[in-house]
Amino acid sequence: MSSVLNRPAVRTLDAISPAPERLLLLTLDALIAQLQRARDGLAAARPEVTLPALARSRQALGELLAGIDTRQGGELAHRLTSFYVFVLSEVEVVRRDGGAARLERNLTMLRALRDAFARTPRAAPRIHLS
């Protein structure tokens, strides 16, 4: 069966695509940045800043949830799912009721998680050359 994919192009994409670990860190960084923006918008009473930042935070959390493989990830995957769902519910409470302090508590937990992932040893990058 022949592939419709151009093999050199596939090799190039594999080589330049970030590893899953890097994508995780980038998504967590984006989430943290958006929650900080929302917190600052709340503190300044600027809903035009807060509401879009909360919407982007929900989007980042959706991406994090979609990236979890609960079949292969075991207990850690289930705990991460629960944590991300919790943060998602917190974002909804903030959208509805406000609460910069609530956002700050979640930011503290997310920063700790991000730092733990950044310190985790990674396997060698996988580049498929066949």
N, C-alpha and C. Protein backbone atom coordinates (compact mmCIF):
# COMPACT_ATOMS: atom_id res chain seq x y z
N MET A 1 0.84 -1.17 0.00
CA MET A 1 0.00 0.00 0.00
C MET A 1 0.90 1.24 0.00
N SER A 2 0.72 2.11 -0.97
CA SER A 2 1.55 3.30 -1.03
C SER A 2 0.93 4.42 -0.22
N SER A 3 1.79 5.23 0.30
CA SER A 3 1.34 6.35 1.13
C SER A 3 1.19 7.59 0.27
N VAL A 4 0.18 8.39 0.60
CA VAL A 4 0.00 9.65 -0.11
C VAL A 4 0.90 10.73 0.48
N LEU A 5 1.55 10.40 1.58
CA LEU A 5 2.43 11.37 2.22
C LEU A 5 3.80 11.35 1.58
N ASN A 6 4.36 12.48 1.41
CA ASN A 6 5.71 12.63 0.91
C ASN A 6 6.64 12.32 2.10
N ARG A 7 7.39 11.23 2.02
CA ARG A 7 8.24 10.81 3.13
C ARG A 7 9.22 11.89 3.59
N PRO A 8 9.92 12.61 2.70
CA PRO A 8 10.80 13.66 3.20
C PRO A 8 10.03 14.75 3.97
N ALA A 9 8.83 15.05 3.50
CA ALA A 9 8.03 16.06 4.22
C ALA A 9 7.63 15.55 5.60
N VAL A 10 7.28 14.27 5.70
CA VAL A 10 6.92 13.70 6.99
C VAL A 10 8.11 13.74 7.93
N ARG A 11 9.29 13.39 7.42
CA ARG A 11 10.49 13.45 8.27
C ARG A 11 10.74 14.86 8.75
N THR A 12 10.54 15.85 7.89
CA THR A 12 10.75 17.24 8.27
C THR A 12 9.75 17.65 9.35
N LEU A 13 8.49 17.29 9.17
CA LEU A 13 7.48 17.62 10.17
C LEU A 13 7.78 16.97 11.51
N ASP A 14 8.18 15.70 11.48
CA ASP A 14 8.53 15.02 12.71
C ASP A 14 9.69 15.72 13.41
N ALA A 15 10.66 16.18 12.64
CA ALA A 15 11.84 16.80 13.22
C ALA A 15 11.54 18.17 13.82
N ILE A 16 10.59 18.92 13.24
CA ILE A 16 10.34 20.27 13.75
C ILE A 16 9.15 20.34 14.70
N SER A 17 8.34 19.28 14.77
CA SER A 17 7.21 19.29 15.68
C SER A 17 7.73 19.13 17.11
N PRO A 18 7.19 19.94 18.02
CA PRO A 18 7.63 19.79 19.41
C PRO A 18 7.24 18.43 19.96
N ALA A 19 8.07 17.91 20.83
CA ALA A 19 7.78 16.66 21.52
C ALA A 19 6.55 16.86 22.40
N PRO A 20 5.83 15.79 22.70
CA PRO A 20 4.65 15.93 23.56
C PRO A 20 4.94 16.63 24.88
N GLU A 21 6.11 16.38 25.46
CA GLU A 21 6.47 17.03 26.72
C GLU A 21 6.57 18.54 26.54
N ARG A 22 7.12 18.95 25.40
CA ARG A 22 7.26 20.38 25.11
C ARG A 22 5.89 21.02 24.87
N LEU A 23 5.02 20.30 24.16
CA LEU A 23 3.66 20.81 23.94
C LEU A 23 2.91 20.98 25.26
N LEU A 24 3.11 20.04 26.17
CA LEU A 24 2.48 20.13 27.48
C LEU A 24 2.94 21.40 28.20
N LEU A 25 4.24 21.64 28.21
CA LEU A 25 4.78 22.83 28.88
C LEU A 25 4.29 24.11 28.21
N LEU A 26 4.25 24.12 26.88
CA LEU A 26 3.77 25.31 26.18
C LEU A 26 2.31 25.59 26.50
N THR A 27 1.51 24.54 26.57
CA THR A 27 0.08 24.72 26.88
C THR A 27 -0.10 25.18 28.32
N LEU A 28 0.66 24.61 29.24
CA LEU A 28 0.59 25.07 30.63
C LEU A 28 1.05 26.52 30.74
N ASP A 29 2.10 26.89 30.01
CA ASP A 29 2.56 28.29 30.02
C ASP A 29 1.47 29.22 29.52
N ALA A 30 0.79 28.82 28.45
CA ALA A 30 -0.30 29.65 27.90
C ALA A 30 -1.44 29.76 28.91
N LEU A 31 -1.79 28.66 29.55
CA LEU A 31 -2.85 28.67 30.55
C LEU A 31 -2.49 29.61 31.69
N ILE A 32 -1.29 29.50 32.19
CA ILE A 32 -0.84 30.35 33.30
C ILE A 32 -0.86 31.82 32.88
N ALA A 33 -0.38 32.12 31.69
CA ALA A 33 -0.38 33.50 31.22
C ALA A 33 -1.80 34.07 31.11
N GLN A 34 -2.73 33.26 30.62
CA GLN A 34 -4.11 33.72 30.49
C GLN A 34 -4.78 33.91 31.85
N LEU A 35 -4.51 33.02 32.78
CA LEU A 35 -5.07 33.19 34.12
C LEU A 35 -4.48 34.40 34.82
N GLN A 36 -3.21 34.68 34.60
CA GLN A 36 -2.61 35.90 35.15
C GLN A 36 -3.27 37.13 34.54
N ARG A 37 -3.50 37.09 33.24
CA ARG A 37 -4.16 38.21 32.56
C ARG A 37 -5.58 38.40 33.12
N ALA A 38 -6.29 37.30 33.33
CA ALA A 38 -7.64 37.39 33.90
C ALA A 38 -7.59 37.96 35.32
N ARG A 39 -6.65 37.49 36.11
CA ARG A 39 -6.49 38.01 37.48
C ARG A 39 -6.23 39.51 37.47
N ASP A 40 -5.33 39.95 36.58
CA ASP A 40 -5.02 41.37 36.49
C ASP A 40 -6.23 42.17 36.00
N GLY A 41 -6.99 41.59 35.07
CA GLY A 41 -8.20 42.24 34.60
C GLY A 41 -9.24 42.38 35.70
N LEU A 42 -9.36 41.36 36.54
CA LEU A 42 -10.27 41.44 37.68
C LEU A 42 -9.84 42.53 38.65
N ALA A 43 -8.55 42.55 38.95
CA ALA A 43 -8.03 43.54 39.90
C ALA A 43 -8.25 44.97 39.40
N ALA A 44 -8.20 45.16 38.08
CA ALA A 44 -8.37 46.49 37.49
C ALA A 44 -9.83 46.76 37.09
N ALA A 45 -10.72 45.82 37.40
CA ALA A 45 -12.13 45.93 37.02
C ALA A 45 -12.29 46.18 35.52
N ARG A 46 -11.59 45.35 34.73
CA ARG A 46 -11.63 45.47 33.27
C ARG A 46 -12.14 44.16 32.66
N PRO A 47 -13.46 44.04 32.57
CA PRO A 47 -14.02 42.80 32.02
C PRO A 47 -13.61 42.56 30.57
N GLU A 48 -13.27 43.59 29.82
CA GLU A 48 -12.83 43.41 28.43
C GLU A 48 -11.48 42.70 28.36
N VAL A 49 -10.75 42.67 29.47
CA VAL A 49 -9.50 41.91 29.57
C VAL A 49 -9.79 40.54 30.20
N THR A 50 -10.58 40.55 31.26
CA THR A 50 -10.84 39.34 32.04
C THR A 50 -11.56 38.27 31.25
N LEU A 51 -12.66 38.62 30.62
CA LEU A 51 -13.50 37.61 29.97
C LEU A 51 -12.81 36.89 28.82
N PRO A 52 -12.11 37.59 27.90
CA PRO A 52 -11.39 36.85 26.85
C PRO A 52 -10.26 35.97 27.42
N ALA A 53 -9.61 36.45 28.48
CA ALA A 53 -8.54 35.65 29.09
C ALA A 53 -9.11 34.38 29.72
N LEU A 54 -10.27 34.49 30.34
CA LEU A 54 -10.90 33.29 30.90
C LEU A 54 -11.34 32.33 29.80
N ALA A 55 -11.82 32.86 28.69
CA ALA A 55 -12.21 32.00 27.56
C ALA A 55 -10.99 31.26 27.00
N ARG A 56 -9.87 31.95 26.88
CA ARG A 56 -8.65 31.30 26.38
C ARG A 56 -8.12 30.28 27.40
N SER A 57 -8.34 30.57 28.69
CA SER A 57 -7.96 29.61 29.73
C SER A 57 -8.76 28.33 29.60
N ARG A 58 -10.06 28.47 29.36
CA ARG A 58 -10.91 27.28 29.17
C ARG A 58 -10.44 26.49 27.95
N GLN A 59 -10.05 27.20 26.90
CA GLN A 59 -9.57 26.52 25.70
C GLN A 59 -8.28 25.74 26.00
N ALA A 60 -7.35 26.34 26.72
CA ALA A 60 -6.11 25.66 27.07
C ALA A 60 -6.39 24.44 27.95
N LEU A 61 -7.31 24.57 28.88
CA LEU A 61 -7.67 23.42 29.72
C LEU A 61 -8.29 22.31 28.88
N GLY A 62 -9.08 22.68 27.90
CA GLY A 62 -9.65 21.67 26.99
C GLY A 62 -8.56 20.94 26.23
N GLU A 63 -7.55 21.66 25.79
CA GLU A 63 -6.43 21.03 25.09
C GLU A 63 -5.66 20.09 26.02
N LEU A 64 -5.45 20.52 27.26
CA LEU A 64 -4.76 19.66 28.22
C LEU A 64 -5.57 18.40 28.49
N LEU A 65 -6.87 18.55 28.66
CA LEU A 65 -7.72 17.38 28.89
C LEU A 65 -7.73 16.44 27.69
N ALA A 66 -7.78 17.00 26.50
CA ALA A 66 -7.81 16.18 25.29
C ALA A 66 -6.50 15.40 25.10
N GLY A 67 -5.42 15.90 25.66
CA GLY A 67 -4.13 15.25 25.50
C GLY A 67 -3.84 14.12 26.48
N ILE A 68 -4.76 13.88 27.40
CA ILE A 68 -4.54 12.83 28.40
C ILE A 68 -5.04 11.49 27.87
N ASP A 69 -4.17 10.49 27.96
CA ASP A 69 -4.54 9.13 27.58
C ASP A 69 -4.79 8.35 28.86
N THR A 70 -6.05 8.27 29.26
CA THR A 70 -6.38 7.62 30.53
C THR A 70 -6.20 6.10 30.47
N ARG A 71 -6.22 5.53 29.26
CA ARG A 71 -6.03 4.08 29.15
C ARG A 71 -4.59 3.69 29.43
N GLN A 72 -3.65 4.50 28.98
CA GLN A 72 -2.24 4.16 29.18
C GLN A 72 -1.60 4.94 30.33
N GLY A 73 -2.24 6.03 30.76
CA GLY A 73 -1.64 6.89 31.77
C GLY A 73 -1.85 6.47 33.20
N GLY A 74 -2.72 5.51 33.41
CA GLY A 74 -2.92 4.99 34.76
C GLY A 74 -3.47 6.03 35.73
N GLU A 75 -3.08 5.86 36.97
CA GLU A 75 -3.57 6.71 38.06
C GLU A 75 -3.20 8.18 37.85
N LEU A 76 -2.00 8.43 37.37
CA LEU A 76 -1.58 9.82 37.13
C LEU A 76 -2.50 10.50 36.12
N ALA A 77 -2.85 9.81 35.07
CA ALA A 77 -3.75 10.39 34.06
C ALA A 77 -5.11 10.72 34.66
N HIS A 78 -5.61 9.85 35.51
CA HIS A 78 -6.90 10.10 36.14
C HIS A 78 -6.82 11.28 37.11
N ARG A 79 -5.73 11.38 37.83
CA ARG A 79 -5.56 12.51 38.76
C ARG A 79 -5.41 13.83 38.00
N LEU A 80 -4.66 13.80 36.91
CA LEU A 80 -4.53 15.02 36.10
C LEU A 80 -5.86 15.43 35.51
N THR A 81 -6.62 14.46 35.04
CA THR A 81 -7.96 14.77 34.52
C THR A 81 -8.80 15.45 35.59
N SER A 82 -8.80 14.89 36.79
CA SER A 82 -9.57 15.48 37.89
C SER A 82 -9.08 16.89 38.21
N PHE A 83 -7.78 17.08 38.21
CA PHE A 83 -7.23 18.41 38.51
C PHE A 83 -7.63 19.42 37.44
N TYR A 84 -7.48 19.06 36.17
CA TYR A 84 -7.84 20.00 35.10
C TYR A 84 -9.34 20.31 35.11
N VAL A 85 -10.17 19.32 35.42
CA VAL A 85 -11.61 19.57 35.51
C VAL A 85 -11.90 20.50 36.69
N PHE A 86 -11.19 20.31 37.79
CA PHE A 86 -11.35 21.21 38.94
C PHE A 86 -10.99 22.64 38.55
N VAL A 87 -9.84 22.83 37.89
CA VAL A 87 -9.44 24.18 37.50
C VAL A 87 -10.45 24.76 36.52
N LEU A 88 -10.96 23.94 35.62
CA LEU A 88 -11.98 24.40 34.68
C LEU A 88 -13.22 24.89 35.44
N SER A 89 -13.63 24.17 36.46
CA SER A 89 -14.78 24.61 37.26
C SER A 89 -14.47 25.89 38.02
N GLU A 90 -13.25 26.04 38.47
CA GLU A 90 -12.83 27.27 39.15
C GLU A 90 -12.88 28.46 38.19
N VAL A 91 -12.44 28.26 36.97
CA VAL A 91 -12.49 29.32 35.96
C VAL A 91 -13.94 29.74 35.72
N GLU A 92 -14.84 28.78 35.69
CA GLU A 92 -16.26 29.10 35.50
C GLU A 92 -16.81 29.89 36.68
N VAL A 93 -16.43 29.53 37.89
CA VAL A 93 -16.87 30.28 39.07
C VAL A 93 -16.35 31.71 39.00
N VAL A 94 -15.10 31.88 38.62
CA VAL A 94 -14.53 33.23 38.50
C VAL A 94 -15.25 34.01 37.41
N ARG A 95 -15.56 33.37 36.30
CA ARG A 95 -16.28 34.07 35.23
C ARG A 95 -17.63 34.56 35.72
N ARG A 96 -18.28 33.74 36.52
CA ARG A 96 -19.62 34.07 37.00
C ARG A 96 -19.61 35.04 38.18
N ASP A 97 -18.68 34.80 39.14
CA ASP A 97 -18.73 35.52 40.41
C ASP A 97 -17.53 36.43 40.69
N GLY A 98 -16.49 36.35 39.86
CA GLY A 98 -15.26 37.09 40.16
C GLY A 98 -14.40 36.32 41.15
N GLY A 99 -13.33 36.93 41.58
CA GLY A 99 -12.48 36.29 42.58
C GLY A 99 -11.03 36.16 42.18
N ALA A 100 -10.30 37.27 42.27
CA ALA A 100 -8.87 37.25 41.93
C ALA A 100 -8.11 36.30 42.85
N ALA A 101 -8.51 36.21 44.13
CA ALA A 101 -7.83 35.32 45.07
C ALA A 101 -8.00 33.86 44.64
N ARG A 102 -9.17 33.52 44.13
CA ARG A 102 -9.42 32.16 43.64
C ARG A 102 -8.47 31.85 42.48
N LEU A 103 -8.33 32.81 41.58
CA LEU A 103 -7.41 32.61 40.45
C LEU A 103 -5.98 32.45 40.94
N GLU A 104 -5.60 33.24 41.91
CA GLU A 104 -4.23 33.17 42.42
C GLU A 104 -3.94 31.80 43.03
N ARG A 105 -4.89 31.23 43.77
CA ARG A 105 -4.70 29.88 44.33
C ARG A 105 -4.50 28.85 43.22
N ASN A 106 -5.29 28.95 42.16
CA ASN A 106 -5.15 28.02 41.04
C ASN A 106 -3.84 28.25 40.30
N LEU A 107 -3.44 29.49 40.17
CA LEU A 107 -2.15 29.78 39.53
C LEU A 107 -1.00 29.16 40.31
N THR A 108 -1.07 29.21 41.63
CA THR A 108 -0.02 28.61 42.46
C THR A 108 0.09 27.11 42.19
N MET A 109 -1.07 26.44 42.13
CA MET A 109 -1.05 24.99 41.86
C MET A 109 -0.55 24.69 40.45
N LEU A 110 -0.99 25.48 39.47
CA LEU A 110 -0.58 25.24 38.08
C LEU A 110 0.91 25.49 37.89
N ARG A 111 1.44 26.52 38.54
CA ARG A 111 2.89 26.77 38.44
C ARG A 111 3.67 25.61 39.02
N ALA A 112 3.22 25.08 40.15
CA ALA A 112 3.90 23.94 40.76
C ALA A 112 3.85 22.72 39.84
N LEU A 113 2.70 22.47 39.22
CA LEU A 113 2.57 21.36 38.28
C LEU A 113 3.49 21.56 37.08
N ARG A 114 3.50 22.76 36.53
CA ARG A 114 4.34 23.06 35.37
C ARG A 114 5.82 22.84 35.72
N ASP A 115 6.22 23.33 36.90
CA ASP A 115 7.62 23.16 37.31
C ASP A 115 7.98 21.69 37.50
N ALA A 116 7.04 20.91 38.04
CA ALA A 116 7.29 19.47 38.21
C ALA A 116 7.45 18.79 36.86
N PHE A 117 6.60 19.12 35.90
CA PHE A 117 6.74 18.55 34.57
C PHE A 117 8.04 18.98 33.91
N ALA A 118 8.46 20.21 34.13
CA ALA A 118 9.70 20.70 33.52
C ALA A 118 10.92 19.97 34.08
N ARG A 119 10.85 19.52 35.33
CA ARG A 119 11.97 18.81 35.95
C ARG A 119 11.98 17.32 35.66
N THR A 120 10.90 16.80 35.10
CA THR A 120 10.79 15.37 34.85
C THR A 120 11.71 14.96 33.71
N PRO A 121 12.53 13.92 33.93
CA PRO A 121 13.40 13.46 32.83
C PRO A 121 12.56 12.98 31.65
N ARG A 122 13.07 13.25 30.47
CA ARG A 122 12.35 12.88 29.25
C ARG A 122 13.10 11.80 28.49
N ALA A 123 12.35 11.02 27.76
CA ALA A 123 12.96 10.04 26.88
C ALA A 123 13.54 10.77 25.66
N ALA A 124 14.43 10.11 24.97
CA ALA A 124 15.01 10.70 23.75
C ALA A 124 13.89 11.01 22.76
N PRO A 125 14.01 12.11 22.02
CA PRO A 125 12.96 12.45 21.05
C PRO A 125 12.84 11.35 19.99
N ARG A 126 11.60 11.12 19.57
CA ARG A 126 11.33 10.09 18.57
C ARG A 126 11.16 10.76 17.22
N ILE A 127 12.04 10.44 16.29
CA ILE A 127 11.94 10.95 14.92
C ILE A 127 11.85 9.74 14.01
N HIS A 128 10.75 9.64 13.30
CA HIS A 128 10.53 8.49 12.42
C HIS A 128 11.12 8.77 11.04
N LEU A 129 12.05 7.94 10.63
CA LEU A 129 12.74 8.16 9.35
C LEU A 129 12.35 7.14 8.30
N SER A 130 11.43 6.27 8.58
CA SER A 130 11.08 5.25 7.58
C SER A 130 10.06 5.78 6.60
